[in-house]
Amino acid sequence: LIQFSSVPSFAADASHLSLSQSLEEQEIDDSWQRPLDTERIVRI
């Protein structure tokens, strides 16, 4: 799964304003999920 799959996540430093504007304008590209939580990964 790691070999063949990626997470369409936005940049960790993306502003809330830019994210809300892209959603409002329905501009869906390759970045619309939250970045991975590395602490959660290590806990798993």
Full PDB file with SEQRES, HELIX, SHEET, SSBOND, CRYST1, ORIGX, SCALE, CONECT and MASTER records, all heavy atoms in Angstrom:
SEQRES   1 A   44  LEU ILE GLN PHE SER SER VAL PRO SER PHE ALA ALA ASP          
SEQRES   2 A   44  ALA SER HIS LEU SER LEU SER GLN SER LEU GLU GLU GLN          
SEQRES   3 A   44  GLU ILE ASP ASP SER TRP GLN ARG PRO LEU ASP THR GLU          
SEQRES   4 A   44  ARG ILE VAL ARG ILE                                          
HELIX    1 AA1 HIS A   16  GLU A   24  1                                   9    
HELIX    2 AA2 THR A   38  ARG A   43  1                                   6    
CRYST1    1.000    1.000    1.000  90.00  90.00  90.00 P 1           1          
ORIGX1      1.000000  0.000000  0.000000        0.00000                         
ORIGX2      0.000000  1.000000  0.000000        0.00000                         
ORIGX3      0.000000  0.000000  1.000000        0.00000                         
SCALE1      1.000000  0.000000  0.000000        0.00000                         
SCALE2      0.000000  1.000000  0.000000        0.00000                         
SCALE3      0.000000  0.000000  1.000000        0.00000                         
ATOM      1  N   LEU A   1       0.819  -1.201   0.000  1.00  0.00           N  
ATOM      2  CA  LEU A   1       0.000   0.000   0.000  1.00  0.00           C  
ATOM      3  C   LEU A   1       0.860   1.261   0.000  1.00  0.00           C  
ATOM      4  O   LEU A   1       0.551   2.236  -0.691  1.00  0.00           O  
ATOM      5  CB  LEU A   1      -0.939  -0.008   1.207  1.00  0.00           C  
ATOM      6  CG  LEU A   1      -2.112  -0.983   1.096  1.00  0.00           C  
ATOM      7  CD1 LEU A   1      -2.742  -1.245   2.449  1.00  0.00           C  
ATOM      8  CD2 LEU A   1      -3.157  -0.444   0.129  1.00  0.00           C  
ATOM      9  N   ILE A   2       1.943   1.247   0.761  1.00  0.00           N  
ATOM     10  CA  ILE A   2       2.848   2.397   0.764  1.00  0.00           C  
ATOM     11  C   ILE A   2       3.520   2.544  -0.598  1.00  0.00           C  
ATOM     12  O   ILE A   2       3.746   3.653  -1.085  1.00  0.00           O  
ATOM     13  CB  ILE A   2       3.885   2.256   1.897  1.00  0.00           C  
ATOM     14  CG1 ILE A   2       3.201   2.475   3.251  1.00  0.00           C  
ATOM     15  CG2 ILE A   2       5.038   3.246   1.718  1.00  0.00           C  
ATOM     16  CD1 ILE A   2       4.089   2.229   4.448  1.00  0.00           C  
ATOM     17  N   GLN A   3       3.810   1.425  -1.237  1.00  0.00           N  
ATOM     18  CA  GLN A   3       4.453   1.475  -2.558  1.00  0.00           C  
ATOM     19  C   GLN A   3       3.542   2.083  -3.614  1.00  0.00           C  
ATOM     20  O   GLN A   3       3.994   2.877  -4.457  1.00  0.00           O  
ATOM     21  CB  GLN A   3       4.868   0.064  -2.990  1.00  0.00           C  
ATOM     22  CG  GLN A   3       5.509   0.013  -4.375  1.00  0.00           C  
ATOM     23  CD  GLN A   3       5.786  -1.407  -4.845  1.00  0.00           C  
ATOM     24  OE1 GLN A   3       5.263  -2.378  -4.294  1.00  0.00           O  
ATOM     25  NE2 GLN A   3       6.615  -1.533  -5.870  1.00  0.00           N  
ATOM     26  N   PHE A   4       2.249   1.734  -3.598  1.00  0.00           N  
ATOM     27  CA  PHE A   4       1.348   2.113  -4.681  1.00  0.00           C  
ATOM     28  C   PHE A   4       0.409   3.275  -4.345  1.00  0.00           C  
ATOM     29  O   PHE A   4      -0.310   3.742  -5.227  1.00  0.00           O  
ATOM     30  CB  PHE A   4       0.501   0.914  -5.094  1.00  0.00           C  
ATOM     31  CG  PHE A   4       1.253  -0.138  -5.858  1.00  0.00           C  
ATOM     32  CD1 PHE A   4       1.548  -1.364  -5.281  1.00  0.00           C  
ATOM     33  CD2 PHE A   4       1.677   0.095  -7.155  1.00  0.00           C  
ATOM     34  CE1 PHE A   4       2.243  -2.340  -5.977  1.00  0.00           C  
ATOM     35  CE2 PHE A   4       2.367  -0.867  -7.870  1.00  0.00           C  
ATOM     36  CZ  PHE A   4       2.661  -2.083  -7.276  1.00  0.00           C  
ATOM     37  N   SER A   5       0.396   3.752  -3.099  1.00  0.00           N  
ATOM     38  CA  SER A   5      -0.607   4.741  -2.698  1.00  0.00           C  
ATOM     39  C   SER A   5       0.030   5.993  -2.118  1.00  0.00           C  
ATOM     40  O   SER A   5       1.080   5.936  -1.490  1.00  0.00           O  
ATOM     41  CB  SER A   5      -1.549   4.144  -1.640  1.00  0.00           C  
ATOM     42  OG  SER A   5      -2.054   2.897  -2.051  1.00  0.00           O  
ATOM     43  N   SER A   6      -0.648   7.119  -2.324  1.00  0.00           N  
ATOM     44  CA  SER A   6      -0.223   8.377  -1.711  1.00  0.00           C  
ATOM     45  C   SER A   6      -1.422   9.025  -1.034  1.00  0.00           C  
ATOM     46  O   SER A   6      -2.575   8.650  -1.268  1.00  0.00           O  
ATOM     47  CB  SER A   6       0.363   9.326  -2.768  1.00  0.00           C  
ATOM     48  OG  SER A   6      -0.617   9.664  -3.728  1.00  0.00           O  
ATOM     49  N   VAL A   7      -1.122   9.998  -0.193  1.00  0.00           N  
ATOM     50  CA  VAL A   7      -2.169  10.731   0.520  1.00  0.00           C  
ATOM     51  C   VAL A   7      -2.308  12.109  -0.116  1.00  0.00           C  
ATOM     52  O   VAL A   7      -1.335  12.869  -0.149  1.00  0.00           O  
ATOM     53  CB  VAL A   7      -1.823  10.885   2.016  1.00  0.00           C  
ATOM     54  CG1 VAL A   7      -2.937  11.629   2.743  1.00  0.00           C  
ATOM     55  CG2 VAL A   7      -1.587   9.526   2.656  1.00  0.00           C  
ATOM     56  N   PRO A   8      -3.487  12.448  -0.650  1.00  0.00           N  
ATOM     57  CA  PRO A   8      -3.658  13.765  -1.271  1.00  0.00           C  
ATOM     58  C   PRO A   8      -3.817  14.854  -0.214  1.00  0.00           C  
ATOM     59  O   PRO A   8      -4.887  15.441  -0.048  1.00  0.00           O  
ATOM     60  CB  PRO A   8      -4.927  13.591  -2.113  1.00  0.00           C  
ATOM     61  CG  PRO A   8      -5.700  12.552  -1.379  1.00  0.00           C  
ATOM     62  CD  PRO A   8      -4.691  11.617  -0.772  1.00  0.00           C  
ATOM     63  N   SER A   9      -2.757  15.110   0.542  1.00  0.00           N  
ATOM     64  CA  SER A   9      -2.851  16.039   1.669  1.00  0.00           C  
ATOM     65  C   SER A   9      -2.291  17.402   1.310  1.00  0.00           C  
ATOM     66  O   SER A   9      -1.372  17.529   0.495  1.00  0.00           O  
ATOM     67  CB  SER A   9      -2.096  15.472   2.880  1.00  0.00           C  
ATOM     68  OG  SER A   9      -0.745  15.231   2.556  1.00  0.00           O  
ATOM     69  N   PHE A  10      -2.857  18.416   1.929  1.00  0.00           N  
ATOM     70  CA  PHE A  10      -2.350  19.766   1.723  1.00  0.00           C  
ATOM     71  C   PHE A  10      -1.099  19.978   2.576  1.00  0.00           C  
ATOM     72  O   PHE A  10      -0.815  19.211   3.495  1.00  0.00           O  
ATOM     73  CB  PHE A  10      -3.415  20.813   2.043  1.00  0.00           C  
ATOM     74  CG  PHE A  10      -4.062  20.681   3.397  1.00  0.00           C  
ATOM     75  CD1 PHE A  10      -3.401  21.072   4.558  1.00  0.00           C  
ATOM     76  CD2 PHE A  10      -5.343  20.156   3.519  1.00  0.00           C  
ATOM     77  CE1 PHE A  10      -4.001  20.968   5.799  1.00  0.00           C  
ATOM     78  CE2 PHE A  10      -5.953  20.041   4.758  1.00  0.00           C  
ATOM     79  CZ  PHE A  10      -5.280  20.441   5.900  1.00  0.00           C  
ATOM     80  N   ALA A  11      -0.347  21.015   2.254  1.00  0.00           N  
ATOM     81  CA  ALA A  11       0.897  21.299   2.975  1.00  0.00           C  
ATOM     82  C   ALA A  11       0.598  21.658   4.419  1.00  0.00           C  
ATOM     83  O   ALA A  11      -0.425  22.284   4.735  1.00  0.00           O  
ATOM     84  CB  ALA A  11       1.635  22.437   2.294  1.00  0.00           C  
ATOM     85  N   ALA A  12       1.508  21.259   5.301  1.00  0.00           N  
ATOM     86  CA  ALA A  12       1.315  21.519   6.727  1.00  0.00           C  
ATOM     87  C   ALA A  12       1.248  23.009   7.030  1.00  0.00           C  
ATOM     88  O   ALA A  12       0.614  23.436   8.010  1.00  0.00           O  
ATOM     89  CB  ALA A  12       2.450  20.872   7.524  1.00  0.00           C  
ATOM     90  N   ASP A  13       1.874  23.838   6.189  1.00  0.00           N  
ATOM     91  CA  ASP A  13       1.892  25.279   6.437  1.00  0.00           C  
ATOM     92  C   ASP A  13       0.834  26.029   5.624  1.00  0.00           C  
ATOM     93  O   ASP A  13       0.859  27.260   5.557  1.00  0.00           O  
ATOM     94  CB  ASP A  13       3.274  25.863   6.157  1.00  0.00           C  
ATOM     95  CG  ASP A  13       3.723  25.630   4.708  1.00  0.00           C  
ATOM     96  OD1 ASP A  13       3.002  24.920   3.967  1.00  0.00           O  
ATOM     97  OD2 ASP A  13       4.788  26.141   4.340  1.00  0.00           O  
ATOM     98  N   ALA A  14      -0.101  25.288   4.993  1.00  0.00           N  
ATOM     99  CA  ALA A  14      -1.146  25.951   4.205  1.00  0.00           C  
ATOM    100  C   ALA A  14      -2.058  26.753   5.130  1.00  0.00           C  
ATOM    101  O   ALA A  14      -2.424  26.297   6.217  1.00  0.00           O  
ATOM    102  CB  ALA A  14      -1.957  24.920   3.430  1.00  0.00           C  
ATOM    103  N   SER A  15      -2.437  27.954   4.704  1.00  0.00           N  
ATOM    104  CA  SER A  15      -3.284  28.804   5.544  1.00  0.00           C  
ATOM    105  C   SER A  15      -4.733  28.329   5.490  1.00  0.00           C  
ATOM    106  O   SER A  15      -5.183  27.753   4.503  1.00  0.00           O  
ATOM    107  CB  SER A  15      -3.211  30.259   5.074  1.00  0.00           C  
ATOM    108  OG  SER A  15      -3.869  30.408   3.833  1.00  0.00           O  
ATOM    109  N   HIS A  16      -5.469  28.601   6.572  1.00  0.00           N  
ATOM    110  CA  HIS A  16      -6.887  28.247   6.606  1.00  0.00           C  
ATOM    111  C   HIS A  16      -7.646  28.994   5.517  1.00  0.00           C  
ATOM    112  O   HIS A  16      -8.595  28.469   4.928  1.00  0.00           O  
ATOM    113  CB  HIS A  16      -7.475  28.578   7.980  1.00  0.00           C  
ATOM    114  CG  HIS A  16      -6.966  27.689   9.066  1.00  0.00           C  
ATOM    115  ND1 HIS A  16      -7.038  28.015  10.393  1.00  0.00           N  
ATOM    116  CD2 HIS A  16      -6.358  26.481   9.013  1.00  0.00           C  
ATOM    117  CE1 HIS A  16      -6.502  27.045  11.118  1.00  0.00           C  
ATOM    118  NE2 HIS A  16      -6.091  26.103  10.306  1.00  0.00           N  
ATOM    119  N   LEU A  17      -7.221  30.227   5.226  1.00  0.00           N  
ATOM    120  CA  LEU A  17      -7.901  31.023   4.214  1.00  0.00           C  
ATOM    121  C   LEU A  17      -7.775  30.389   2.841  1.00  0.00           C  
ATOM    122  O   LEU A  17      -8.776  30.232   2.122  1.00  0.00           O  
ATOM    123  CB  LEU A  17      -7.323  32.441   4.189  1.00  0.00           C  
ATOM    124  CG  LEU A  17      -7.887  33.370   3.095  1.00  0.00           C  
ATOM    125  CD1 LEU A  17      -9.387  33.541   3.270  1.00  0.00           C  
ATOM    126  CD2 LEU A  17      -7.181  34.718   3.122  1.00  0.00           C  
ATOM    127  N   SER A  18      -6.564  29.977   2.464  1.00  0.00           N  
ATOM    128  CA  SER A  18      -6.373  29.392   1.135  1.00  0.00           C  
ATOM    129  C   SER A  18      -7.135  28.081   1.002  1.00  0.00           C  
ATOM    130  O   SER A  18      -7.688  27.778  -0.053  1.00  0.00           O  
ATOM    131  CB  SER A  18      -4.885  29.168   0.857  1.00  0.00           C  
ATOM    132  OG  SER A  18      -4.336  28.223   1.762  1.00  0.00           O  
ATOM    133  N   LEU A  19      -7.177  27.286   2.078  1.00  0.00           N  
ATOM    134  CA  LEU A  19      -7.904  26.019   2.037  1.00  0.00           C  
ATOM    135  C   LEU A  19      -9.405  26.251   1.886  1.00  0.00           C  
ATOM    136  O   LEU A  19     -10.073  25.596   1.085  1.00  0.00           O  
ATOM    137  CB  LEU A  19      -7.627  25.207   3.304  1.00  0.00           C  
ATOM    138  CG  LEU A  19      -6.201  24.680   3.449  1.00  0.00           C  
ATOM    139  CD1 LEU A  19      -6.002  24.085   4.841  1.00  0.00           C  
ATOM    140  CD2 LEU A  19      -5.898  23.653   2.383  1.00  0.00           C  
ATOM    141  N   SER A  20      -9.952  27.191   2.651  1.00  0.00           N  
ATOM    142  CA  SER A  20     -11.389  27.450   2.577  1.00  0.00           C  
ATOM    143  C   SER A  20     -11.771  28.016   1.213  1.00  0.00           C  
ATOM    144  O   SER A  20     -12.820  27.689   0.666  1.00  0.00           O  
ATOM    145  CB  SER A  20     -11.810  28.415   3.689  1.00  0.00           C  
ATOM    146  OG  SER A  20     -11.146  29.660   3.552  1.00  0.00           O  
ATOM    147  N   GLN A  21     -10.895  28.851   0.631  1.00  0.00           N  
ATOM    148  CA  GLN A  21     -11.188  29.403  -0.687  1.00  0.00           C  
ATOM    149  C   GLN A  21     -11.202  28.322  -1.759  1.00  0.00           C  
ATOM    150  O   GLN A  21     -12.071  28.313  -2.633  1.00  0.00           O  
ATOM    151  CB  GLN A  21     -10.153  30.479  -1.045  1.00  0.00           C  
ATOM    152  CG  GLN A  21     -10.336  31.776  -0.278  1.00  0.00           C  
ATOM    153  CD  GLN A  21      -9.235  32.777  -0.565  1.00  0.00           C  
ATOM    154  OE1 GLN A  21      -8.130  32.401  -0.958  1.00  0.00           O  
ATOM    155  NE2 GLN A  21      -9.524  34.049  -0.361  1.00  0.00           N  
ATOM    156  N   SER A  22     -10.261  27.385  -1.684  1.00  0.00           N  
ATOM    157  CA  SER A  22     -10.215  26.318  -2.691  1.00  0.00           C  
ATOM    158  C   SER A  22     -11.433  25.424  -2.588  1.00  0.00           C  
ATOM    159  O   SER A  22     -11.975  24.969  -3.592  1.00  0.00           O  
ATOM    160  CB  SER A  22      -8.930  25.507  -2.544  1.00  0.00           C  
ATOM    161  OG  SER A  22      -8.927  24.809  -1.315  1.00  0.00           O  
ATOM    162  N   LEU A  23     -11.890  25.160  -1.356  1.00  0.00           N  
ATOM    163  CA  LEU A  23     -13.087  24.328  -1.188  1.00  0.00           C  
ATOM    164  C   LEU A  23     -14.325  25.062  -1.678  1.00  0.00           C  
ATOM    165  O   LEU A  23     -15.210  24.475  -2.313  1.00  0.00           O  
ATOM    166  CB  LEU A  23     -13.240  23.938   0.284  1.00  0.00           C  
ATOM    167  CG  LEU A  23     -12.206  22.943   0.819  1.00  0.00           C  
ATOM    168  CD1 LEU A  23     -12.376  22.767   2.318  1.00  0.00           C  
ATOM    169  CD2 LEU A  23     -12.316  21.604   0.108  1.00  0.00           C  
ATOM    170  N   GLU A  24     -14.415  26.364  -1.387  1.00  0.00           N  
ATOM    171  CA  GLU A  24     -15.562  27.147  -1.810  1.00  0.00           C  
ATOM    172  C   GLU A  24     -15.658  27.207  -3.328  1.00  0.00           C  
ATOM    173  O   GLU A  24     -16.738  27.168  -3.908  1.00  0.00           O  
ATOM    174  CB  GLU A  24     -15.453  28.555  -1.229  1.00  0.00           C  
ATOM    175  CG  GLU A  24     -16.685  29.414  -1.491  1.00  0.00           C  
ATOM    176  CD  GLU A  24     -16.563  30.772  -0.846  1.00  0.00           C  
ATOM    177  OE1 GLU A  24     -15.490  31.395  -0.984  1.00  0.00           O  
ATOM    178  OE2 GLU A  24     -17.528  31.220  -0.196  1.00  0.00           O  
ATOM    179  N   GLU A  25     -14.483  27.278  -3.983  1.00  0.00           N  
ATOM    180  CA  GLU A  25     -14.459  27.348  -5.436  1.00  0.00           C  
ATOM    181  C   GLU A  25     -14.441  25.970  -6.083  1.00  0.00           C  
ATOM    182  O   GLU A  25     -14.364  25.847  -7.299  1.00  0.00           O  
ATOM    183  CB  GLU A  25     -13.212  28.139  -5.868  1.00  0.00           C  
ATOM    184  CG  GLU A  25     -13.249  29.588  -5.414  1.00  0.00           C  
ATOM    185  CD  GLU A  25     -11.891  30.270  -5.546  1.00  0.00           C  
ATOM    186  OE1 GLU A  25     -10.968  29.605  -6.080  1.00  0.00           O  
ATOM    187  OE2 GLU A  25     -11.756  31.421  -5.118  1.00  0.00           O  
ATOM    188  N   GLN A  26     -14.506  24.923  -5.231  1.00  0.00           N  
ATOM    189  CA  GLN A  26     -14.537  23.530  -5.684  1.00  0.00           C  
ATOM    190  C   GLN A  26     -13.336  23.206  -6.573  1.00  0.00           C  
ATOM    191  O   GLN A  26     -13.459  22.519  -7.596  1.00  0.00           O  
ATOM    192  CB  GLN A  26     -15.840  23.230  -6.423  1.00  0.00           C  
ATOM    193  CG  GLN A  26     -17.052  23.322  -5.520  1.00  0.00           C  
ATOM    194  CD  GLN A  26     -18.321  22.887  -6.205  1.00  0.00           C  
ATOM    195  OE1 GLN A  26     -18.476  23.005  -7.412  1.00  0.00           O  
ATOM    196  NE2 GLN A  26     -19.250  22.356  -5.441  1.00  0.00           N  
ATOM    197  N   GLU A  27     -12.186  23.705  -6.172  1.00  0.00           N  
ATOM    198  CA  GLU A  27     -10.961  23.396  -6.890  1.00  0.00           C  
ATOM    199  C   GLU A  27     -10.296  22.189  -6.230  1.00  0.00           C  
ATOM    200  O   GLU A  27      -9.510  22.317  -5.307  1.00  0.00           O  
ATOM    201  CB  GLU A  27     -10.009  24.600  -6.891  1.00  0.00           C  
ATOM    202  CG  GLU A  27     -10.533  25.787  -7.677  1.00  0.00           C  
ATOM    203  CD  GLU A  27      -9.581  26.963  -7.630  1.00  0.00           C  
ATOM    204  OE1 GLU A  27      -8.556  26.854  -6.918  1.00  0.00           O  
ATOM    205  OE2 GLU A  27      -9.861  27.973  -8.278  1.00  0.00           O  
ATOM    206  N   ILE A  28     -10.646  21.022  -6.681  1.00  0.00           N  
ATOM    207  CA  ILE A  28     -10.121  19.797  -6.103  1.00  0.00           C  
ATOM    208  C   ILE A  28      -8.980  19.297  -6.967  1.00  0.00           C  
ATOM    209  O   ILE A  28      -9.162  18.971  -8.135  1.00  0.00           O  
ATOM    210  CB  ILE A  28     -11.215  18.702  -6.014  1.00  0.00           C  
ATOM    211  CG1 ILE A  28     -12.406  19.223  -5.210  1.00  0.00           C  
ATOM    212  CG2 ILE A  28     -10.650  17.443  -5.390  1.00  0.00           C  
ATOM    213  CD1 ILE A  28     -12.103  19.572  -3.782  1.00  0.00           C  
ATOM    214  N   ASP A  29      -7.769  19.278  -6.396  1.00  0.00           N  
ATOM    215  CA  ASP A  29      -6.651  18.748  -7.169  1.00  0.00           C  
ATOM    216  C   ASP A  29      -6.035  17.581  -6.415  1.00  0.00           C  
ATOM    217  O   ASP A  29      -6.691  16.584  -6.199  1.00  0.00           O  
ATOM    218  CB  ASP A  29      -5.632  19.851  -7.470  1.00  0.00           C  
ATOM    219  CG  ASP A  29      -5.269  20.645  -6.205  1.00  0.00           C  
ATOM    220  OD1 ASP A  29      -5.487  20.122  -5.098  1.00  0.00           O  
ATOM    221  OD2 ASP A  29      -4.770  21.767  -6.352  1.00  0.00           O  
ATOM    222  N   ASP A  30      -4.787  17.696  -6.025  1.00  0.00           N  
ATOM    223  CA  ASP A  30      -4.140  16.586  -5.349  1.00  0.00           C  
ATOM    224  C   ASP A  30      -3.878  16.902  -3.881  1.00  0.00           C  
ATOM    225  O   ASP A  30      -3.014  16.303  -3.268  1.00  0.00           O  
ATOM    226  CB  ASP A  30      -2.826  16.226  -6.058  1.00  0.00           C  
ATOM    227  CG  ASP A  30      -1.838  17.387  -6.053  1.00  0.00           C  
ATOM    228  OD1 ASP A  30      -2.295  18.526  -5.830  1.00  0.00           O  
ATOM    229  OD2 ASP A  30      -0.641  17.147  -6.256  1.00  0.00           O  
ATOM    230  N   SER A  31      -4.622  17.836  -3.297  1.00  0.00           N  
ATOM    231  CA  SER A  31      -4.353  18.215  -1.912  1.00  0.00           C  
ATOM    232  C   SER A  31      -5.623  18.647  -1.191  1.00  0.00           C  
ATOM    233  O   SER A  31      -6.023  19.804  -1.276  1.00  0.00           O  
ATOM    234  CB  SER A  31      -3.316  19.348  -1.878  1.00  0.00           C  
ATOM    235  OG  SER A  31      -3.725  20.424  -2.686  1.00  0.00           O  
ATOM    236  N   TRP A  32      -6.267  17.710  -0.504  1.00  0.00           N  
ATOM    237  CA  TRP A  32      -7.480  18.039   0.215  1.00  0.00           C  
ATOM    238  C   TRP A  32      -7.660  17.224   1.497  1.00  0.00           C  
ATOM    239  O   TRP A  32      -8.719  17.218   2.087  1.00  0.00           O  
ATOM    240  CB  TRP A  32      -8.707  17.873  -0.686  1.00  0.00           C  
ATOM    241  CG  TRP A  32      -8.650  16.714  -1.635  1.00  0.00           C  
ATOM    242  CD1 TRP A  32      -8.209  16.760  -2.916  1.00  0.00           C  
ATOM    243  CD2 TRP A  32      -9.023  15.342  -1.401  1.00  0.00           C  
ATOM    244  NE1 TRP A  32      -8.284  15.508  -3.501  1.00  0.00           N  
ATOM    245  CE2 TRP A  32      -8.783  14.628  -2.600  1.00  0.00           C  
ATOM    246  CE3 TRP A  32      -9.523  14.661  -0.307  1.00  0.00           C  
ATOM    247  CZ2 TRP A  32      -9.038  13.262  -2.723  1.00  0.00           C  
ATOM    248  CZ3 TRP A  32      -9.771  13.306  -0.431  1.00  0.00           C  
ATOM    249  CH2 TRP A  32      -9.533  12.620  -1.631  1.00  0.00           C  
ATOM    250  N   GLN A  33      -6.603  16.560   1.947  1.00  0.00           N  
ATOM    251  CA  GLN A  33      -6.654  15.881   3.235  1.00  0.00           C  
ATOM    252  C   GLN A  33      -5.677  16.547   4.196  1.00  0.00           C  
ATOM    253  O   GLN A  33      -4.721  17.202   3.786  1.00  0.00           O  
ATOM    254  CB  GLN A  33      -6.271  14.401   3.098  1.00  0.00           C  
ATOM    255  CG  GLN A  33      -7.298  13.543   2.403  1.00  0.00           C  
ATOM    256  CD  GLN A  33      -6.997  12.062   2.599  1.00  0.00           C  
ATOM    257  OE1 GLN A  33      -6.467  11.648   3.618  1.00  0.00           O  
ATOM    258  NE2 GLN A  33      -7.326  11.264   1.610  1.00  0.00           N  
ATOM    259  N   ARG A  34      -5.919  16.328   5.483  1.00  0.00           N  
ATOM    260  CA  ARG A  34      -4.981  16.820   6.494  1.00  0.00           C  
ATOM    261  C   ARG A  34      -3.643  16.095   6.357  1.00  0.00           C  
ATOM    262  O   ARG A  34      -3.609  14.917   5.997  1.00  0.00           O  
ATOM    263  CB  ARG A  34      -5.529  16.554   7.907  1.00  0.00           C  
ATOM    264  CG  ARG A  34      -6.786  17.334   8.243  1.00  0.00           C  
ATOM    265  CD  ARG A  34      -7.210  17.050   9.662  1.00  0.00           C  
ATOM    266  NE  ARG A  34      -7.481  15.630   9.863  1.00  0.00           N  
ATOM    267  CZ  ARG A  34      -8.629  15.037   9.605  1.00  0.00           C  
ATOM    268  NH1 ARG A  34      -9.638  15.740   9.118  1.00  0.00           N  
ATOM    269  NH2 ARG A  34      -8.807  13.755   9.828  1.00  0.00           N  
ATOM    270  N   PRO A  35      -2.532  16.774   6.668  1.00  0.00           N  
ATOM    271  CA  PRO A  35      -1.235  16.081   6.666  1.00  0.00           C  
ATOM    272  C   PRO A  35      -1.231  14.954   7.695  1.00  0.00           C  
ATOM    273  O   PRO A  35      -1.973  14.985   8.687  1.00  0.00           O  
ATOM    274  CB  PRO A  35      -0.245  17.183   7.062  1.00  0.00           C  
ATOM    275  CG  PRO A  35      -0.942  18.463   6.712  1.00  0.00           C  
ATOM    276  CD  PRO A  35      -2.406  18.207   6.938  1.00  0.00           C  
ATOM    277  N   LEU A  36      -0.396  13.958   7.459  1.00  0.00           N  
ATOM    278  CA  LEU A  36      -0.308  12.822   8.380  1.00  0.00           C  
ATOM    279  C   LEU A  36       0.176  13.280   9.743  1.00  0.00           C  
ATOM    280  O   LEU A  36       1.055  14.131   9.866  1.00  0.00           O  
ATOM    281  CB  LEU A  36       0.657  11.778   7.814  1.00  0.00           C  
ATOM    282  CG  LEU A  36       0.136  10.945   6.642  1.00  0.00           C  
ATOM    283  CD1 LEU A  36       1.283  10.282   5.909  1.00  0.00           C  
ATOM    284  CD2 LEU A  36      -0.850   9.896   7.140  1.00  0.00           C  
ATOM    285  N   ASP A  37      -0.402  12.690  10.777  1.00  0.00           N  
ATOM    286  CA  ASP A  37      -0.005  12.940  12.167  1.00  0.00           C  
ATOM    287  C   ASP A  37       1.082  11.924  12.523  1.00  0.00           C  
ATOM    288  O   ASP A  37       0.787  10.752  12.778  1.00  0.00           O  
ATOM    289  CB  ASP A  37      -1.226  12.781  13.077  1.00  0.00           C  
ATOM    290  CG  ASP A  37      -0.917  13.040  14.541  1.00  0.00           C  
ATOM    291  OD1 ASP A  37       0.266  13.030  14.923  1.00  0.00           O  
ATOM    292  OD2 ASP A  37      -1.876  13.223  15.307  1.00  0.00           O  
ATOM    293  N   THR A  38       2.343  12.352  12.516  1.00  0.00           N  
ATOM    294  CA  THR A  38       3.454  11.414  12.719  1.00  0.00           C  
ATOM    295  C   THR A  38       3.424  10.775  14.102  1.00  0.00           C  
ATOM    296  O   THR A  38       3.805   9.610  14.257  1.00  0.00           O  
ATOM    297  CB  THR A  38       4.797  12.120  12.497  1.00  0.00           C  
ATOM    298  OG1 THR A  38       4.870  13.285  13.326  1.00  0.00           O  
ATOM    299  CG2 THR A  38       4.935  12.546  11.040  1.00  0.00           C  
ATOM    300  N   GLU A  39       2.962  11.503  15.111  1.00  0.00           N  
ATOM    301  CA  GLU A  39       2.883  10.921  16.457  1.00  0.00           C  
ATOM    302  C   GLU A  39       1.875   9.777  16.487  1.00  0.00           C  
ATOM    303  O   GLU A  39       2.095   8.763  17.144  1.00  0.00           O  
ATOM    304  CB  GLU A  39       2.511  11.995  17.479  1.00  0.00           C  
ATOM    305  CG  GLU A  39       3.595  13.035  17.698  1.00  0.00           C  
ATOM    306  CD  GLU A  39       3.216  14.030  18.768  1.00  0.00           C  
ATOM    307  OE1 GLU A  39       2.104  13.896  19.341  1.00  0.00           O  
ATOM    308  OE2 GLU A  39       4.023  14.936  19.048  1.00  0.00           O  
ATOM    309  N   ARG A  40       0.774   9.944  15.779  1.00  0.00           N  
ATOM    310  CA  ARG A  40      -0.240   8.884  15.724  1.00  0.00           C  
ATOM    311  C   ARG A  40       0.315   7.649  15.018  1.00  0.00           C  
ATOM    312  O   ARG A  40       0.041   6.510  15.425  1.00  0.00           O  
ATOM    313  CB  ARG A  40      -1.477   9.407  15.005  1.00  0.00           C  
ATOM    314  CG  ARG A  40      -2.633   8.426  14.956  1.00  0.00           C  
ATOM    315  CD  ARG A  40      -3.828   9.077  14.287  1.00  0.00           C  
ATOM    316  NE  ARG A  40      -4.913   8.131  14.091  1.00  0.00           N  
ATOM    317  CZ  ARG A  40      -5.996   8.384  13.365  1.00  0.00           C  
ATOM    318  NH1 ARG A  40      -6.129   9.561  12.788  1.00  0.00           N  
ATOM    319  NH2 ARG A  40      -6.931   7.473  13.226  1.00  0.00           N  
ATOM    320  N   ILE A  41       1.091   7.870  13.956  1.00  0.00           N  
ATOM    321  CA  ILE A  41       1.701   6.747  13.240  1.00  0.00           C  
ATOM    322  C   ILE A  41       2.612   5.953  14.157  1.00  0.00           C  
ATOM    323  O   ILE A  41       2.565   4.719  14.197  1.00  0.00           O  
ATOM    324  CB  ILE A  41       2.478   7.274  12.012  1.00  0.00           C  
ATOM    325  CG1 ILE A  41       1.507   7.810  10.963  1.00  0.00           C  
ATOM    326  CG2 ILE A  41       3.355   6.168  11.409  1.00  0.00           C  
ATOM    327  CD1 ILE A  41       2.188   8.529   9.822  1.00  0.00           C  
ATOM    328  N   VAL A  42       3.447   6.641  14.919  1.00  0.00           N  
ATOM    329  CA  VAL A  42       4.373   5.969  15.838  1.00  0.00           C  
ATOM    330  C   VAL A  42       3.596   5.217  16.918  1.00  0.00           C  
ATOM    331  O   VAL A  42       3.963   4.097  17.304  1.00  0.00           O  
ATOM    332  CB  VAL A  42       5.347   6.987  16.461  1.00  0.00           C  
ATOM    333  CG1 VAL A  42       6.178   6.332  17.560  1.00  0.00           C  
ATOM    334  CG2 VAL A  42       6.256   7.571  15.392  1.00  0.00           C  
ATOM    335  N   ARG A  43       2.494   5.791  17.402  1.00  0.00           N  
ATOM    336  CA  ARG A  43       1.677   5.108  18.427  1.00  0.00           C  
ATOM    337  C   ARG A  43       1.108   3.801  17.876  1.00  0.00           C  
ATOM    338  O   ARG A  43       1.064   2.787  18.580  1.00  0.00           O  
ATOM    339  CB  ARG A  43       0.542   6.017  18.904  1.00  0.00           C  
ATOM    340  CG  ARG A  43       0.960   7.136  19.828  1.00  0.00           C  
ATOM    341  CD  ARG A  43      -0.230   7.686  20.610  1.00  0.00           C  
ATOM    342  NE  ARG A  43      -1.303   8.150  19.747  1.00  0.00           N  
ATOM    343  CZ  ARG A  43      -1.396   9.387  19.279  1.00  0.00           C  
ATOM    344  NH1 ARG A  43      -0.466  10.281  19.565  1.00  0.00           N  
ATOM    345  NH2 ARG A  43      -2.422   9.743  18.513  1.00  0.00           N  
ATOM    346  N   ILE A  44       0.645   3.819  16.625  1.00  0.00           N  
ATOM    347  CA  ILE A  44       0.103   2.597  16.019  1.00  0.00           C  
ATOM    348  C   ILE A  44       1.192   1.540  15.911  1.00  0.00           C  
ATOM    349  O   ILE A  44       0.983   0.372  16.259  1.00  0.00           O  
ATOM    350  CB  ILE A  44      -0.499   2.903  14.636  1.00  0.00           C  
ATOM    351  CG1 ILE A  44      -1.761   3.768  14.792  1.00  0.00           C  
ATOM    352  CG2 ILE A  44      -0.828   1.612  13.880  1.00  0.00           C  
ATOM    353  CD1 ILE A  44      -2.334   4.262  13.476  1.00  0.00           C  
TER     354      ILE A  44                                                      
MASTER        0    0    0    2    0    0    0    6  353    1    0    4          
END                                                                             
